[in-house]
Amino acid sequence: EITDTIADVLADYSVRPARVLEPSAGVGVFVDAVLRHSPDADVMAFEKDLLTGAILRQLHPDKKMRIDGFEKIEKPFNNYFDLAVSNIPFGDIAVFDAGFQRSESFGRRSAQKAIHNYFFLKGLDTVRDGGIVAFITSQGVLNSSKTSVRDELFRQANLVSAIRLPNNLFSDNAGTEVGSDLIVLQKNLRKTELSQ
């Protein structure tokens, strides 16, 4: 399973997070995978679907499982987590975030128009300097002809890895063939220019 592989590789590189965020948890397959290597990790997970969220809470009663949208995460959790890991939602689904709406950054404002872009920037907000964001997403993040969101991502993070996944990777679970990427970023607040 891809979730176990990602958790195994992170552990192989000594990423043993004390604080973990899963912003689109489903029933918690990433939570399970990360907890195998870091069983004492403080985990916060979001799942917007009521039934799926209830199952998530039953499976992980000792963790912070929130049946709510990721956009509801509070400001004290900015720069808080060591790792944000997820198979994030994708598509031209708008998300309203007052902080993004008021931002001077065009990339942050425009990220609200596509849920996958929003999740990436918001996920990066939540990890500490040096923290890791490892998200499976649609190919739209890297393929888009519009660069404002990517520019905003790479203004405050280093690209660790970007892997194009097979189109049929999720056909058994989701019944769909969609192009997906695994993108791993490391937050770097000391960057002064975009990486080459």
N, C-alpha and C. Protein backbone atom coordinates (compact mmCIF):
# COMPACT_ATOMS: atom_id res chain seq x y z
N GLU A 1 0.84 -1.18 0.00
CA GLU A 1 0.00 0.00 0.00
C GLU A 1 0.89 1.25 0.00
N ILE A 2 0.47 2.26 -0.76
CA ILE A 2 1.26 3.49 -0.93
C ILE A 2 1.45 4.21 0.41
N THR A 3 0.45 4.19 1.28
CA THR A 3 0.58 4.88 2.56
C THR A 3 1.70 4.28 3.42
N ASP A 4 1.77 2.96 3.44
CA ASP A 4 2.84 2.29 4.20
C ASP A 4 4.21 2.60 3.60
N THR A 5 4.29 2.61 2.29
CA THR A 5 5.56 2.90 1.62
C THR A 5 6.04 4.30 1.96
N ILE A 6 5.14 5.27 1.92
CA ILE A 6 5.52 6.66 2.25
C ILE A 6 5.99 6.73 3.70
N ALA A 7 5.25 6.13 4.62
CA ALA A 7 5.65 6.14 6.03
C ALA A 7 6.99 5.44 6.23
N ASP A 8 7.20 4.33 5.53
CA ASP A 8 8.47 3.60 5.64
C ASP A 8 9.64 4.44 5.15
N VAL A 9 9.47 5.10 4.02
CA VAL A 9 10.55 5.93 3.47
C VAL A 9 10.84 7.10 4.40
N LEU A 10 9.81 7.75 4.92
CA LEU A 10 10.04 8.85 5.88
C LEU A 10 10.82 8.34 7.09
N ALA A 11 10.45 7.18 7.60
CA ALA A 11 11.16 6.60 8.75
C ALA A 11 12.60 6.25 8.38
N ASP A 12 12.81 5.74 7.17
CA ASP A 12 14.17 5.41 6.71
C ASP A 12 15.06 6.65 6.71
N TYR A 13 14.46 7.82 6.48
CA TYR A 13 15.21 9.07 6.48
C TYR A 13 15.13 9.77 7.84
N SER A 14 14.83 9.01 8.86
CA SER A 14 14.80 9.48 10.26
C SER A 14 13.76 10.55 10.51
N VAL A 15 12.70 10.55 9.74
CA VAL A 15 11.57 11.44 10.02
C VAL A 15 10.67 10.68 10.99
N ARG A 16 10.79 11.04 12.27
CA ARG A 16 9.99 10.42 13.32
C ARG A 16 9.22 11.55 14.02
N PRO A 17 8.10 11.91 13.46
CA PRO A 17 7.39 13.10 13.93
C PRO A 17 6.75 12.91 15.30
N ALA A 18 6.84 13.95 16.11
CA ALA A 18 6.15 13.97 17.39
C ALA A 18 4.73 14.50 17.22
N ARG A 19 4.54 15.38 16.23
CA ARG A 19 3.22 15.98 15.96
C ARG A 19 2.89 15.80 14.49
N VAL A 20 1.75 15.16 14.23
CA VAL A 20 1.36 14.80 12.87
C VAL A 20 -0.01 15.37 12.55
N LEU A 21 -0.14 15.91 11.35
CA LEU A 21 -1.42 16.40 10.84
C LEU A 21 -1.83 15.57 9.63
N GLU A 22 -3.09 15.13 9.61
CA GLU A 22 -3.69 14.48 8.45
C GLU A 22 -4.93 15.29 8.10
N PRO A 23 -4.86 16.17 7.09
CA PRO A 23 -5.95 17.11 6.82
C PRO A 23 -7.15 16.55 6.06
N SER A 24 -7.04 15.35 5.53
CA SER A 24 -8.15 14.73 4.80
C SER A 24 -8.06 13.22 5.04
N ALA A 25 -8.42 12.81 6.25
CA ALA A 25 -8.01 11.51 6.77
C ALA A 25 -8.78 10.30 6.27
N GLY A 26 -9.99 10.47 5.78
CA GLY A 26 -10.78 9.28 5.48
C GLY A 26 -10.91 8.46 6.75
N VAL A 27 -10.66 7.16 6.67
CA VAL A 27 -10.72 6.32 7.87
C VAL A 27 -9.35 6.17 8.54
N GLY A 28 -8.35 6.90 8.06
CA GLY A 28 -7.08 6.98 8.78
C GLY A 28 -5.96 6.07 8.31
N VAL A 29 -5.91 5.76 7.02
CA VAL A 29 -4.83 4.86 6.56
C VAL A 29 -3.46 5.50 6.71
N PHE A 30 -3.34 6.81 6.48
CA PHE A 30 -2.06 7.48 6.71
C PHE A 30 -1.75 7.55 8.21
N VAL A 31 -2.78 7.79 9.01
CA VAL A 31 -2.58 7.82 10.47
C VAL A 31 -2.01 6.49 10.93
N ASP A 32 -2.62 5.40 10.49
CA ASP A 32 -2.14 4.06 10.87
C ASP A 32 -0.69 3.85 10.43
N ALA A 33 -0.38 4.24 9.20
CA ALA A 33 0.96 4.02 8.65
C ALA A 33 2.01 4.80 9.44
N VAL A 34 1.72 6.05 9.78
CA VAL A 34 2.68 6.87 10.52
C VAL A 34 2.83 6.35 11.96
N LEU A 35 1.73 5.94 12.57
CA LEU A 35 1.78 5.46 13.95
C LEU A 35 2.57 4.16 14.10
N ARG A 36 2.72 3.39 13.04
CA ARG A 36 3.55 2.19 13.11
C ARG A 36 5.00 2.55 13.45
N HIS A 37 5.47 3.69 12.95
CA HIS A 37 6.85 4.13 13.20
C HIS A 37 6.96 5.10 14.38
N SER A 38 5.90 5.82 14.64
CA SER A 38 5.90 6.83 15.72
C SER A 38 4.64 6.63 16.57
N PRO A 39 4.59 5.54 17.34
CA PRO A 39 3.35 5.20 18.05
C PRO A 39 2.91 6.22 19.10
N ASP A 40 3.83 7.04 19.58
CA ASP A 40 3.48 8.04 20.58
C ASP A 40 3.20 9.41 19.98
N ALA A 41 3.14 9.50 18.66
CA ALA A 41 2.93 10.80 18.01
C ALA A 41 1.59 11.40 18.41
N ASP A 42 1.60 12.70 18.56
CA ASP A 42 0.38 13.47 18.79
C ASP A 42 -0.23 13.72 17.41
N VAL A 43 -1.37 13.11 17.13
CA VAL A 43 -1.98 13.16 15.80
C VAL A 43 -3.25 13.99 15.84
N MET A 44 -3.38 14.89 14.87
CA MET A 44 -4.63 15.59 14.63
C MET A 44 -5.04 15.28 13.20
N ALA A 45 -6.28 14.83 13.03
CA ALA A 45 -6.77 14.51 11.70
C ALA A 45 -8.13 15.15 11.48
N PHE A 46 -8.36 15.57 10.24
CA PHE A 46 -9.63 16.15 9.84
C PHE A 46 -10.30 15.22 8.83
N GLU A 47 -11.59 15.05 8.98
CA GLU A 47 -12.40 14.35 7.98
C GLU A 47 -13.75 15.05 7.93
N LYS A 48 -14.09 15.57 6.78
CA LYS A 48 -15.30 16.37 6.64
C LYS A 48 -16.57 15.53 6.58
N ASP A 49 -16.49 14.33 6.03
CA ASP A 49 -17.66 13.47 5.90
C ASP A 49 -18.06 12.93 7.27
N LEU A 50 -19.32 13.08 7.62
CA LEU A 50 -19.80 12.71 8.95
C LEU A 50 -19.63 11.22 9.26
N LEU A 51 -20.05 10.35 8.38
CA LEU A 51 -19.95 8.91 8.62
C LEU A 51 -18.49 8.46 8.66
N THR A 52 -17.71 8.90 7.68
CA THR A 52 -16.29 8.53 7.64
C THR A 52 -15.56 9.06 8.87
N GLY A 53 -15.90 10.28 9.28
CA GLY A 53 -15.30 10.86 10.48
C GLY A 53 -15.65 10.08 11.73
N ALA A 54 -16.88 9.60 11.82
CA ALA A 54 -17.29 8.79 12.98
C ALA A 54 -16.50 7.48 13.02
N ILE A 55 -16.29 6.87 11.86
CA ILE A 55 -15.48 5.65 11.80
C ILE A 55 -14.04 5.96 12.23
N LEU A 56 -13.51 7.07 11.73
CA LEU A 56 -12.15 7.49 12.09
C LEU A 56 -12.01 7.64 13.60
N ARG A 57 -12.98 8.28 14.23
CA ARG A 57 -12.94 8.46 15.69
C ARG A 57 -12.99 7.12 16.42
N GLN A 58 -13.80 6.20 15.93
CA GLN A 58 -13.89 4.87 16.55
C GLN A 58 -12.56 4.12 16.44
N LEU A 59 -11.90 4.26 15.29
CA LEU A 59 -10.64 3.56 15.07
C LEU A 59 -9.48 4.17 15.86
N HIS A 60 -9.58 5.46 16.17
CA HIS A 60 -8.50 6.17 16.86
C HIS A 60 -9.07 7.02 18.01
N PRO A 61 -9.64 6.38 19.03
CA PRO A 61 -10.31 7.15 20.08
C PRO A 61 -9.35 7.99 20.94
N ASP A 62 -8.06 7.67 20.92
CA ASP A 62 -7.10 8.40 21.75
C ASP A 62 -6.39 9.52 21.00
N LYS A 63 -6.79 9.77 19.75
CA LYS A 63 -6.17 10.83 18.95
C LYS A 63 -7.18 11.95 18.69
N LYS A 64 -6.69 13.09 18.25
CA LYS A 64 -7.56 14.24 17.97
C LYS A 64 -8.14 14.11 16.57
N MET A 65 -9.30 13.49 16.48
CA MET A 65 -9.97 13.29 15.20
C MET A 65 -11.12 14.28 15.10
N ARG A 66 -11.06 15.15 14.12
CA ARG A 66 -12.07 16.20 13.99
C ARG A 66 -12.94 15.96 12.77
N ILE A 67 -14.23 15.95 12.99
CA ILE A 67 -15.18 15.82 11.89
C ILE A 67 -15.51 17.24 11.45
N ASP A 68 -14.68 17.72 10.55
CA ASP A 68 -14.75 19.12 10.13
C ASP A 68 -13.85 19.30 8.92
N GLY A 69 -14.01 20.42 8.24
CA GLY A 69 -13.14 20.75 7.13
C GLY A 69 -11.80 21.26 7.62
N PHE A 70 -10.75 20.98 6.88
CA PHE A 70 -9.40 21.40 7.23
C PHE A 70 -9.29 22.91 7.37
N GLU A 71 -10.13 23.65 6.64
CA GLU A 71 -10.08 25.11 6.72
C GLU A 71 -10.46 25.61 8.11
N LYS A 72 -10.99 24.76 8.97
CA LYS A 72 -11.39 25.15 10.33
C LYS A 72 -10.24 25.05 11.34
N ILE A 73 -9.06 24.62 10.91
CA ILE A 73 -7.94 24.52 11.84
C ILE A 73 -7.61 25.92 12.38
N GLU A 74 -7.31 25.99 13.66
CA GLU A 74 -7.09 27.27 14.32
C GLU A 74 -5.65 27.75 14.16
N LYS A 75 -5.47 29.08 14.26
CA LYS A 75 -4.15 29.70 14.09
C LYS A 75 -3.07 29.16 15.03
N PRO A 76 -3.39 28.77 16.27
CA PRO A 76 -2.32 28.24 17.13
C PRO A 76 -1.62 27.01 16.54
N PHE A 77 -2.22 26.38 15.53
CA PHE A 77 -1.60 25.21 14.92
C PHE A 77 -0.72 25.56 13.72
N ASN A 78 -0.58 26.85 13.42
CA ASN A 78 0.41 27.25 12.41
C ASN A 78 1.80 27.02 12.99
N ASN A 79 2.71 26.51 12.15
CA ASN A 79 4.09 26.23 12.56
C ASN A 79 4.16 25.26 13.74
N TYR A 80 3.24 24.32 13.80
CA TYR A 80 3.11 23.43 14.96
C TYR A 80 3.55 21.99 14.67
N PHE A 81 3.17 21.46 13.54
CA PHE A 81 3.36 20.03 13.26
C PHE A 81 4.74 19.75 12.66
N ASP A 82 5.22 18.54 12.89
CA ASP A 82 6.46 18.07 12.28
C ASP A 82 6.20 17.50 10.89
N LEU A 83 5.00 16.94 10.71
CA LEU A 83 4.65 16.27 9.46
C LEU A 83 3.18 16.48 9.15
N ALA A 84 2.91 16.84 7.90
CA ALA A 84 1.55 16.82 7.37
C ALA A 84 1.56 15.83 6.22
N VAL A 85 0.70 14.83 6.28
CA VAL A 85 0.71 13.76 5.29
C VAL A 85 -0.73 13.39 4.94
N SER A 86 -1.00 13.23 3.62
CA SER A 86 -2.38 12.95 3.22
C SER A 86 -2.47 12.64 1.74
N ASN A 87 -3.58 12.04 1.37
CA ASN A 87 -4.04 11.97 -0.01
C ASN A 87 -5.12 13.03 -0.08
N ILE A 88 -4.75 14.23 -0.50
CA ILE A 88 -5.65 15.37 -0.38
C ILE A 88 -6.71 15.37 -1.49
N PRO A 89 -7.84 16.02 -1.23
CA PRO A 89 -8.86 16.14 -2.27
C PRO A 89 -8.35 17.02 -3.41
N PHE A 90 -8.97 16.88 -4.58
CA PHE A 90 -8.54 17.69 -5.71
C PHE A 90 -9.74 18.14 -6.52
N GLY A 91 -9.52 19.18 -7.29
CA GLY A 91 -10.56 19.67 -8.19
C GLY A 91 -10.77 21.16 -8.02
N ASP A 92 -11.61 21.69 -8.87
CA ASP A 92 -11.92 23.12 -8.84
C ASP A 92 -13.03 23.40 -7.83
N ILE A 93 -12.82 22.94 -6.62
CA ILE A 93 -13.75 23.15 -5.52
C ILE A 93 -13.19 24.30 -4.70
N ALA A 94 -13.98 25.36 -4.56
CA ALA A 94 -13.53 26.54 -3.84
C ALA A 94 -13.58 26.31 -2.33
N VAL A 95 -12.62 26.91 -1.64
CA VAL A 95 -12.55 26.86 -0.18
C VAL A 95 -12.42 28.30 0.30
N PHE A 96 -13.25 28.70 1.25
CA PHE A 96 -13.12 30.05 1.80
C PHE A 96 -12.29 30.00 3.06
N ASP A 97 -11.27 30.86 3.10
CA ASP A 97 -10.42 31.02 4.27
C ASP A 97 -10.16 32.51 4.40
N ALA A 98 -10.66 33.11 5.47
CA ALA A 98 -10.56 34.56 5.63
C ALA A 98 -9.11 35.04 5.58
N GLY A 99 -8.20 34.29 6.18
CA GLY A 99 -6.78 34.67 6.15
C GLY A 99 -6.22 34.67 4.75
N PHE A 100 -6.58 33.69 3.95
CA PHE A 100 -6.14 33.63 2.56
C PHE A 100 -6.78 34.76 1.77
N GLN A 101 -8.05 35.02 2.02
CA GLN A 101 -8.78 36.05 1.29
C GLN A 101 -8.15 37.43 1.50
N ARG A 102 -7.67 37.69 2.71
CA ARG A 102 -7.07 39.00 3.03
C ARG A 102 -5.59 39.08 2.70
N SER A 103 -4.99 37.99 2.27
CA SER A 103 -3.55 37.95 2.02
C SER A 103 -3.14 38.89 0.89
N GLU A 104 -1.96 39.47 1.03
CA GLU A 104 -1.39 40.27 -0.05
C GLU A 104 -0.85 39.40 -1.17
N SER A 105 -0.66 38.11 -0.89
CA SER A 105 -0.12 37.18 -1.88
C SER A 105 -1.21 36.72 -2.84
N PHE A 106 -1.00 36.98 -4.12
CA PHE A 106 -1.95 36.52 -5.14
C PHE A 106 -2.04 34.99 -5.13
N GLY A 107 -0.92 34.32 -4.91
CA GLY A 107 -0.91 32.86 -4.86
C GLY A 107 -1.81 32.31 -3.77
N ARG A 108 -1.78 32.94 -2.60
CA ARG A 108 -2.63 32.49 -1.49
C ARG A 108 -4.10 32.77 -1.80
N ARG A 109 -4.40 33.93 -2.33
CA ARG A 109 -5.80 34.24 -2.67
C ARG A 109 -6.33 33.29 -3.74
N SER A 110 -5.53 33.04 -4.76
CA SER A 110 -6.00 32.19 -5.86
C SER A 110 -6.05 30.71 -5.47
N ALA A 111 -5.31 30.30 -4.45
CA ALA A 111 -5.33 28.90 -4.01
C ALA A 111 -6.71 28.48 -3.54
N GLN A 112 -7.53 29.42 -3.12
CA GLN A 112 -8.87 29.10 -2.64
C GLN A 112 -9.78 28.59 -3.76
N LYS A 113 -9.39 28.77 -5.01
CA LYS A 113 -10.24 28.36 -6.14
C LYS A 113 -10.13 26.88 -6.45
N ALA A 114 -9.09 26.22 -5.98
CA ALA A 114 -8.91 24.78 -6.22
C ALA A 114 -8.48 24.13 -4.91
N ILE A 115 -9.26 23.20 -4.44
CA ILE A 115 -9.05 22.64 -3.10
C ILE A 115 -7.66 22.03 -2.92
N HIS A 116 -7.08 21.44 -3.97
CA HIS A 116 -5.75 20.84 -3.83
C HIS A 116 -4.68 21.92 -3.60
N ASN A 117 -4.81 23.06 -4.26
CA ASN A 117 -3.87 24.15 -4.04
C ASN A 117 -4.00 24.70 -2.62
N TYR A 118 -5.25 24.85 -2.18
CA TYR A 118 -5.49 25.34 -0.82
C TYR A 118 -4.87 24.40 0.21
N PHE A 119 -5.10 23.10 0.06
CA PHE A 119 -4.56 22.14 1.03
C PHE A 119 -3.04 22.21 1.10
N PHE A 120 -2.40 22.40 -0.04
CA PHE A 120 -0.93 22.48 -0.02
C PHE A 120 -0.44 23.69 0.75
N LEU A 121 -0.98 24.85 0.45
CA LEU A 121 -0.51 26.05 1.15
C LEU A 121 -0.90 26.03 2.62
N LYS A 122 -2.12 25.61 2.92
CA LYS A 122 -2.57 25.55 4.32
C LYS A 122 -1.76 24.49 5.07
N GLY A 123 -1.49 23.36 4.43
CA GLY A 123 -0.66 22.33 5.05
C GLY A 123 0.73 22.85 5.37
N LEU A 124 1.29 23.61 4.45
CA LEU A 124 2.62 24.19 4.68
C LEU A 124 2.58 25.19 5.83
N ASP A 125 1.48 25.92 5.96
CA ASP A 125 1.33 26.84 7.10
C ASP A 125 1.42 26.11 8.43
N THR A 126 0.90 24.89 8.48
CA THR A 126 0.78 24.20 9.76
C THR A 126 2.06 23.52 10.23
N VAL A 127 3.01 23.27 9.33
CA VAL A 127 4.23 22.60 9.77
C VAL A 127 5.27 23.63 10.21
N ARG A 128 6.09 23.20 11.14
CA ARG A 128 7.16 24.07 11.68
C ARG A 128 8.25 24.23 10.62
N ASP A 129 9.15 25.18 10.85
CA ASP A 129 10.31 25.32 9.98
C ASP A 129 11.10 24.02 10.03
N GLY A 130 11.39 23.45 8.87
CA GLY A 130 12.04 22.15 8.80
C GLY A 130 11.07 20.99 8.73
N GLY A 131 9.79 21.26 8.96
CA GLY A 131 8.77 20.22 8.91
C GLY A 131 8.51 19.76 7.48
N ILE A 132 7.87 18.61 7.36
CA ILE A 132 7.65 17.95 6.07
C ILE A 132 6.16 17.95 5.72
N VAL A 133 5.87 18.25 4.46
CA VAL A 133 4.54 18.07 3.88
C VAL A 133 4.69 17.01 2.81
N ALA A 134 3.96 15.91 2.94
CA ALA A 134 3.99 14.82 1.96
C ALA A 134 2.55 14.55 1.54
N PHE A 135 2.17 15.06 0.38
CA PHE A 135 0.79 14.96 -0.09
C PHE A 135 0.73 14.24 -1.42
N ILE A 136 -0.23 13.34 -1.53
CA ILE A 136 -0.62 12.81 -2.83
C ILE A 136 -1.70 13.74 -3.35
N THR A 137 -1.55 14.17 -4.58
CA THR A 137 -2.48 15.14 -5.15
C THR A 137 -2.65 14.87 -6.64
N SER A 138 -3.56 15.59 -7.24
CA SER A 138 -3.73 15.48 -8.69
C SER A 138 -2.51 16.10 -9.38
N GLN A 139 -2.35 15.78 -10.63
CA GLN A 139 -1.24 16.35 -11.39
C GLN A 139 -1.41 17.85 -11.64
N GLY A 140 -2.57 18.37 -11.29
CA GLY A 140 -2.85 19.79 -11.50
C GLY A 140 -1.92 20.74 -10.75
N VAL A 141 -1.41 20.32 -9.61
CA VAL A 141 -0.51 21.21 -8.85
C VAL A 141 0.75 21.48 -9.65
N LEU A 142 1.34 20.45 -10.21
CA LEU A 142 2.59 20.62 -10.96
C LEU A 142 2.37 20.96 -12.43
N ASN A 143 1.24 20.55 -13.00
CA ASN A 143 1.00 20.76 -14.43
C ASN A 143 0.38 22.10 -14.78
N SER A 144 -0.17 22.80 -13.82
CA SER A 144 -0.90 24.03 -14.12
C SER A 144 0.00 25.05 -14.80
N SER A 145 -0.56 25.71 -15.82
CA SER A 145 0.18 26.77 -16.50
C SER A 145 0.28 28.02 -15.63
N LYS A 146 -0.57 28.12 -14.63
CA LYS A 146 -0.53 29.25 -13.69
C LYS A 146 0.46 28.91 -12.58
N THR A 147 1.41 29.78 -12.36
CA THR A 147 2.51 29.47 -11.44
C THR A 147 2.38 30.12 -10.07
N SER A 148 1.36 30.93 -9.83
CA SER A 148 1.31 31.71 -8.58
C SER A 148 1.29 30.83 -7.33
N VAL A 149 0.56 29.72 -7.37
CA VAL A 149 0.51 28.84 -6.19
C VAL A 149 1.84 28.13 -6.00
N ARG A 150 2.41 27.60 -7.08
CA ARG A 150 3.72 26.94 -6.96
C ARG A 150 4.78 27.92 -6.48
N ASP A 151 4.76 29.13 -7.02
CA ASP A 151 5.72 30.15 -6.57
C ASP A 151 5.59 30.38 -5.06
N GLU A 152 4.36 30.44 -4.58
CA GLU A 152 4.13 30.65 -3.15
C GLU A 152 4.63 29.45 -2.34
N LEU A 153 4.40 28.24 -2.83
CA LEU A 153 4.90 27.04 -2.15
C LEU A 153 6.41 27.06 -2.04
N PHE A 154 7.08 27.31 -3.18
CA PHE A 154 8.53 27.21 -3.20
C PHE A 154 9.22 28.45 -2.66
N ARG A 155 8.45 29.50 -2.37
CA ARG A 155 8.99 30.66 -1.68
C ARG A 155 9.32 30.30 -0.23
N GLN A 156 8.56 29.35 0.32
CA GLN A 156 8.73 29.02 1.74
C GLN A 156 9.05 27.55 2.00
N ALA A 157 9.39 26.81 0.93
CA ALA A 157 9.70 25.38 1.12
C ALA A 157 10.67 24.90 0.05
N ASN A 158 11.41 23.87 0.40
CA ASN A 158 12.28 23.20 -0.56
C ASN A 158 11.57 21.95 -1.07
N LEU A 159 11.72 21.69 -2.35
CA LEU A 159 11.18 20.46 -2.93
C LEU A 159 12.11 19.31 -2.56
N VAL A 160 11.59 18.34 -1.84
CA VAL A 160 12.36 17.15 -1.48
C VAL A 160 12.22 16.10 -2.57
N SER A 161 10.97 15.91 -3.03
CA SER A 161 10.71 14.90 -4.05
C SER A 161 9.38 15.17 -4.72
N ALA A 162 9.31 14.83 -5.99
CA ALA A 162 8.06 14.87 -6.74
C ALA A 162 8.04 13.63 -7.62
N ILE A 163 7.06 12.79 -7.40
CA ILE A 163 6.99 11.51 -8.12
C ILE A 163 5.64 11.42 -8.82
N ARG A 164 5.67 11.19 -10.11
CA ARG A 164 4.44 10.96 -10.86
C ARG A 164 4.02 9.51 -10.64
N LEU A 165 2.82 9.33 -10.11
CA LEU A 165 2.31 8.00 -9.77
C LEU A 165 1.54 7.41 -10.95
N PRO A 166 1.43 6.09 -11.01
CA PRO A 166 0.66 5.47 -12.10
C PRO A 166 -0.81 5.91 -12.07
N ASN A 167 -1.39 6.11 -13.25
CA ASN A 167 -2.78 6.57 -13.33
C ASN A 167 -3.77 5.59 -12.70
N ASN A 168 -3.42 4.32 -12.65
CA ASN A 168 -4.35 3.33 -12.11
C ASN A 168 -4.10 3.00 -10.64
N LEU A 169 -3.30 3.79 -9.96
CA LEU A 169 -2.93 3.50 -8.58
C LEU A 169 -4.14 3.37 -7.65
N PHE A 170 -5.16 4.20 -7.88
CA PHE A 170 -6.32 4.21 -6.99
C PHE A 170 -7.55 3.58 -7.62
N SER A 171 -7.39 2.86 -8.71
CA SER A 171 -8.56 2.29 -9.39
C SER A 171 -9.28 1.25 -8.54
N ASP A 172 -8.56 0.49 -7.72
CA ASP A 172 -9.21 -0.50 -6.86
C ASP A 172 -10.02 0.15 -5.74
N ASN A 173 -9.47 1.21 -5.13
CA ASN A 173 -10.14 1.87 -4.00
C ASN A 173 -11.21 2.85 -4.45
N ALA A 174 -10.86 3.72 -5.37
CA ALA A 174 -11.77 4.81 -5.75
C ALA A 174 -12.53 4.53 -7.03
N GLY A 175 -12.15 3.48 -7.74
CA GLY A 175 -12.83 3.17 -8.99
C GLY A 175 -12.58 4.20 -10.07
N THR A 176 -11.45 4.89 -9.98
CA THR A 176 -11.15 5.94 -10.95
C THR A 176 -9.68 5.85 -11.36
N GLU A 177 -9.43 6.26 -12.57
CA GLU A 177 -8.04 6.38 -13.02
C GLU A 177 -7.76 7.86 -13.22
N VAL A 178 -6.96 8.38 -12.35
CA VAL A 178 -6.64 9.81 -12.39
C VAL A 178 -5.14 9.95 -12.18
N GLY A 179 -4.56 10.90 -12.89
CA GLY A 179 -3.13 11.16 -12.72
C GLY A 179 -2.85 11.78 -11.37
N SER A 180 -1.93 11.21 -10.64
CA SER A 180 -1.59 11.70 -9.30
C SER A 180 -0.09 11.86 -9.15
N ASP A 181 0.28 12.76 -8.27
CA ASP A 181 1.67 12.99 -7.92
C ASP A 181 1.83 12.87 -6.41
N LEU A 182 2.99 12.41 -5.99
CA LEU A 182 3.40 12.50 -4.60
C LEU A 182 4.40 13.64 -4.55
N ILE A 183 4.07 14.67 -3.78
CA ILE A 183 4.95 15.83 -3.65
C ILE A 183 5.36 15.95 -2.19
N VAL A 184 6.67 16.01 -1.97
CA VAL A 184 7.21 16.13 -0.62
C VAL A 184 7.98 17.44 -0.53
N LEU A 185 7.59 18.27 0.42
CA LEU A 185 8.22 19.57 0.64
C LEU A 185 8.77 19.64 2.06
N GLN A 186 9.83 20.43 2.22
CA GLN A 186 10.34 20.72 3.56
C GLN A 186 10.29 22.22 3.75
N LYS A 187 9.58 22.65 4.78
CA LYS A 187 9.41 24.07 5.03
C LYS A 187 10.76 24.70 5.36
N ASN A 188 11.02 25.84 4.75
CA ASN A 188 12.28 26.55 4.94
C ASN A 188 11.98 28.04 5.00
N LEU A 189 11.85 28.57 6.19
CA LEU A 189 11.50 29.98 6.35
C LEU A 189 12.68 30.92 6.13
N ARG A 190 13.87 30.36 5.93
CA ARG A 190 15.05 31.21 5.72
C ARG A 190 15.37 31.41 4.24
N LYS A 191 14.52 30.90 3.37
CA LYS A 191 14.77 31.05 1.94
C LYS A 191 14.73 32.52 1.56
N THR A 192 15.64 32.92 0.71
CA THR A 192 15.65 34.30 0.24
C THR A 192 15.31 34.40 -1.24
N GLU A 193 15.33 33.25 -1.93
CA GLU A 193 14.98 33.24 -3.35
C GLU A 193 14.47 31.86 -3.72
N LEU A 194 13.82 31.77 -4.86
CA LEU A 194 13.33 30.48 -5.32
C LEU A 194 14.49 29.58 -5.68
N SER A 195 14.36 28.30 -5.40
CA SER A 195 15.39 27.33 -5.76
C SER A 195 15.43 27.16 -7.27
N GLN A 196 16.60 26.82 -7.78
CA GLN A 196 16.73 26.58 -9.22
C GLN A 196 16.36 25.17 -9.54
